[in-house]
Amino acid sequence: MATIRKATPEDAQTLVDLILELAAYERLLDEAEPSVDLLREHLSEEALTGCEALIAETDEGTAVGFALFFHNYSTFLTNAGLYVEDIFVKPTYRGEGLGFALLRRCAGIAEARGCRRM
């Protein structure tokens, strides 16, 4: 069983490790250059990037997946939306509904914030 929680700046290294696993899975590892320091800064409440993330963890606290998202804005709808950049679950934890659970949590956040699209 896994739980999903909001990532904090202190989770930057964990997220970078998962991002690198995603890049390897997509065979794009040569293009991935995630920075722990920049991600830590971008995940802070004060950051202008609006970058947020969720982490899926086992009961033992092992990170097994993530979703990274941020707000966008529609001029036609004059309303915010939520853009999900990436969702990733480690291969050994796939098929347990974690990817769907991460997406569903993103949808709940979007709805709670009044976003008209995701």
Protein backbone atom coordinates (compact mmCIF):
# COMPACT_ATOMS: atom_id res chain seq x y z
CA MET A 1 0.00 0.00 0.00
CA ALA A 2 1.29 3.46 -0.87
CA THR A 3 0.36 6.92 0.29
CA ILE A 4 0.52 10.16 -1.66
CA ARG A 5 1.74 13.37 -0.11
CA LYS A 6 2.74 16.84 -1.22
CA ALA A 7 6.44 17.19 -1.95
CA THR A 8 8.44 19.80 -0.06
CA PRO A 9 11.75 21.46 -0.95
CA GLU A 10 13.43 18.83 1.24
CA ASP A 11 12.25 16.18 -1.25
CA ALA A 12 14.29 17.66 -4.10
CA GLN A 13 16.91 14.88 -4.14
CA THR A 14 14.24 12.18 -4.07
CA LEU A 15 12.43 13.85 -6.94
CA VAL A 16 15.62 14.22 -8.97
CA ASP A 17 16.30 10.50 -8.49
CA LEU A 18 12.78 9.70 -9.75
CA ILE A 19 13.15 12.18 -12.63
CA LEU A 20 16.32 10.40 -13.71
CA GLU A 21 14.49 7.07 -13.59
CA LEU A 22 11.77 8.57 -15.77
CA ALA A 23 14.38 9.87 -18.21
CA ALA A 24 16.00 6.42 -18.38
CA TYR A 25 12.60 4.80 -18.96
CA GLU A 26 11.89 7.24 -21.81
CA ARG A 27 15.43 6.67 -23.17
CA LEU A 28 16.17 10.36 -22.72
CA LEU A 29 18.76 10.13 -19.98
CA ASP A 30 21.29 11.99 -22.13
CA GLU A 31 18.91 14.98 -22.19
CA ALA A 32 18.08 15.04 -18.47
CA GLU A 33 19.99 17.50 -16.32
CA PRO A 34 17.82 18.00 -13.23
CA SER A 35 19.31 20.16 -10.50
CA VAL A 36 18.60 19.36 -6.86
CA ASP A 37 19.32 22.96 -5.87
CA LEU A 38 17.03 24.47 -8.51
CA LEU A 39 14.23 22.01 -7.78
CA ARG A 40 14.52 22.74 -4.05
CA GLU A 41 14.22 26.45 -4.84
CA HIS A 42 11.32 25.93 -7.28
CA LEU A 43 9.33 23.85 -4.80
CA SER A 44 9.41 26.59 -2.19
CA GLU A 45 6.21 28.48 -1.44
CA GLU A 46 7.82 31.76 -2.54
CA ALA A 47 9.01 30.52 -5.95
CA LEU A 48 7.55 32.21 -9.00
CA THR A 49 7.71 28.96 -10.98
CA GLY A 50 4.59 27.56 -9.34
CA CYS A 51 6.18 24.12 -9.53
CA GLU A 52 4.54 21.56 -7.25
CA ALA A 53 4.86 17.82 -6.88
CA LEU A 54 3.27 14.83 -5.23
CA ILE A 55 5.21 11.79 -4.06
CA ALA A 56 3.85 8.25 -3.79
CA GLU A 57 5.52 6.36 -0.94
CA THR A 58 5.36 2.85 0.43
CA ASP A 59 4.40 2.29 4.06
CA GLU A 60 8.15 2.12 4.75
CA GLY A 61 8.65 5.62 3.31
CA THR A 62 10.27 4.60 0.02
CA ALA A 63 9.39 6.95 -2.83
CA VAL A 64 8.00 4.92 -5.74
CA GLY A 65 6.40 7.57 -7.92
CA PHE A 66 5.68 11.23 -8.45
CA ALA A 67 3.57 13.78 -10.28
CA LEU A 68 4.93 17.22 -11.10
CA PHE A 69 2.51 20.01 -12.02
CA PHE A 70 2.01 23.78 -12.21
CA HIS A 71 -0.69 26.28 -13.03
CA ASN A 72 -1.34 27.74 -16.44
CA TYR A 73 -3.85 30.35 -17.48
CA SER A 74 -6.42 30.48 -20.26
CA THR A 75 -7.11 33.89 -21.75
CA PHE A 76 -10.29 32.55 -23.42
CA LEU A 77 -11.65 31.11 -20.17
CA THR A 78 -10.02 33.78 -17.97
CA ASN A 79 -9.31 31.05 -15.52
CA ALA A 80 -6.44 28.97 -14.23
CA GLY A 81 -5.77 25.42 -15.23
CA LEU A 82 -3.46 22.79 -13.84
CA TYR A 83 -0.80 21.38 -16.16
CA VAL A 84 0.56 17.96 -15.23
CA GLU A 85 4.10 17.83 -16.62
CA ASP A 86 4.97 14.27 -15.61
CA ILE A 87 3.61 11.27 -13.79
CA PHE A 88 5.96 8.39 -13.12
CA VAL A 89 5.74 5.16 -11.13
CA LYS A 90 8.68 2.79 -10.73
CA PRO A 91 8.18 -0.30 -12.89
CA THR A 92 7.96 -2.74 -9.97
CA TYR A 93 5.05 -0.73 -8.52
CA ARG A 94 3.03 -0.39 -11.71
CA GLY A 95 -0.34 -2.06 -12.03
CA GLU A 96 -1.35 -1.13 -8.48
CA GLY A 97 -3.23 2.04 -9.42
CA LEU A 98 -0.55 4.49 -8.23
CA GLY A 99 -0.39 6.41 -11.50
CA PHE A 100 -4.16 6.77 -11.49
CA ALA A 101 -4.08 7.79 -7.82
CA LEU A 102 -1.50 10.49 -8.58
CA LEU A 103 -3.58 11.78 -11.49
CA ARG A 104 -6.72 11.71 -9.38
CA ARG A 105 -4.99 13.69 -6.62
CA CYS A 106 -3.92 16.28 -9.22
CA ALA A 107 -7.53 16.50 -10.39
CA GLY A 108 -8.68 17.03 -6.80
CA ILE A 109 -6.17 19.84 -6.36
CA ALA A 110 -7.31 21.43 -9.63
CA GLU A 111 -10.95 21.23 -8.57
CA ALA A 112 -10.26 22.61 -5.09
CA ARG A 113 -8.43 25.56 -6.63
CA GLY A 114 -11.22 26.35 -9.08
CA CYS A 115 -9.30 25.32 -12.17
CA ARG A 116 -11.51 24.84 -15.22
CA ARG A 117 -9.21 22.39 -16.95
CA MET A 118 -6.31 20.07 -16.36
